[in-house]
């Protein structure tokens, strides 16, 4: 969020959960593109992303973990 503020990018941030208790941890809506992120710190966790969200909102969904969190924190592109 600080990164987007520093570069004057307008980003709407949300989380998502449906009645079946499926959820997405963090959602960015920027320039009409929806990017969704699921955060998992333990590598033994079985990751099951809700396909309904991806289909309904035509979103890119990414898992952020110990191995790639630096890419999430400091993106190389705006």
Protein backbone atom coordinates (compact mmCIF):
# COMPACT_ATOMS: atom_id res chain seq x y z
CA UNK A 1 0.00 0.00 0.00
CA UNK A 2 2.85 2.36 0.75
CA UNK A 3 4.39 1.51 -2.63
CA UNK A 4 1.18 2.44 -4.44
CA UNK A 5 0.84 5.65 -2.43
CA UNK A 6 4.44 6.63 -3.13
CA UNK A 7 3.95 6.18 -6.89
CA UNK A 8 0.49 7.85 -6.81
CA UNK A 9 -1.33 4.74 -8.04
CA UNK A 10 -5.01 4.46 -7.20
CA UNK A 11 -5.72 0.98 -5.88
CA UNK A 12 -8.87 -0.24 -4.17
CA UNK A 13 -8.18 -3.00 -1.63
CA UNK A 14 -10.65 -5.64 -0.45
CA UNK A 15 -11.01 -9.13 0.96
CA UNK A 16 -13.60 -11.67 -0.20
CA UNK A 17 -15.58 -14.42 1.47
CA UNK A 18 -18.76 -16.18 0.33
CA UNK A 19 -21.49 -18.01 2.25
CA UNK A 20 -19.59 -21.30 1.86
CA UNK A 21 -16.69 -19.70 3.79
CA UNK A 22 -14.34 -19.65 0.80
CA UNK A 23 -12.10 -16.63 1.02
CA UNK A 24 -9.38 -14.56 -0.58
CA UNK A 25 -7.02 -12.76 1.79
CA UNK A 26 -6.23 -9.62 -0.21
CA UNK A 27 -7.63 -8.16 -3.43
CA UNK A 28 -6.32 -5.20 -5.42
CA UNK A 29 -8.51 -3.52 -8.01
CA UNK A 30 -6.22 -1.36 -10.15
CA UNK A 31 -7.03 0.09 -13.57
CA UNK A 32 -9.91 -2.37 -14.02
CA UNK A 33 -7.70 -5.42 -13.38
CA UNK A 34 -8.38 -7.53 -10.30
CA UNK A 35 -5.41 -9.21 -8.63
CA UNK A 36 -6.10 -11.56 -5.75
CA UNK A 37 -3.56 -12.84 -3.22
CA UNK A 38 -3.70 -15.73 -0.78
CA UNK A 39 -1.06 -15.63 1.97
CA UNK A 40 0.40 -18.93 3.25
CA UNK A 41 3.48 -18.90 5.45
CA UNK A 42 3.70 -22.65 6.13
CA UNK A 43 4.79 -24.71 3.15
CA UNK A 44 2.96 -27.85 4.32
CA UNK A 45 -0.46 -26.22 3.97
CA UNK A 46 -2.78 -27.60 1.30
CA UNK A 47 -3.67 -24.61 -0.84
CA UNK A 48 -7.08 -24.68 -2.47
CA UNK A 49 -8.03 -21.42 -4.13
CA UNK A 50 -11.71 -20.76 -4.83
CA UNK A 51 -12.10 -21.17 -8.60
CA UNK A 52 -15.50 -19.45 -8.37
CA UNK A 53 -13.81 -16.14 -7.55
CA UNK A 54 -11.36 -16.41 -10.45
CA UNK A 55 -14.14 -17.24 -12.94
CA UNK A 56 -16.66 -14.70 -11.67
CA UNK A 57 -14.32 -11.71 -11.50
CA UNK A 58 -11.84 -12.70 -14.26
CA UNK A 59 -9.06 -12.24 -11.71
CA UNK A 60 -5.43 -13.21 -11.51
CA UNK A 61 -4.91 -15.21 -8.32
CA UNK A 62 -1.48 -15.66 -6.74
CA UNK A 63 -0.26 -17.43 -3.61
CA UNK A 64 2.23 -15.41 -1.57
CA UNK A 65 4.54 -17.54 0.58
CA UNK A 66 7.94 -17.46 2.28
CA UNK A 67 9.54 -18.11 -1.09
CA UNK A 68 8.03 -15.21 -3.04
CA UNK A 69 6.85 -12.58 -0.56
CA UNK A 70 9.64 -10.18 -1.55
CA UNK A 71 8.19 -10.00 -5.07
CA UNK A 72 4.83 -9.05 -3.53
CA UNK A 73 6.34 -6.40 -1.25
CA UNK A 74 8.58 -4.82 -3.88
CA UNK A 75 7.08 -5.31 -7.35
CA UNK A 76 9.35 -4.59 -10.29
CA UNK A 77 6.56 -3.11 -12.41
CA UNK A 78 3.88 -0.60 -11.63
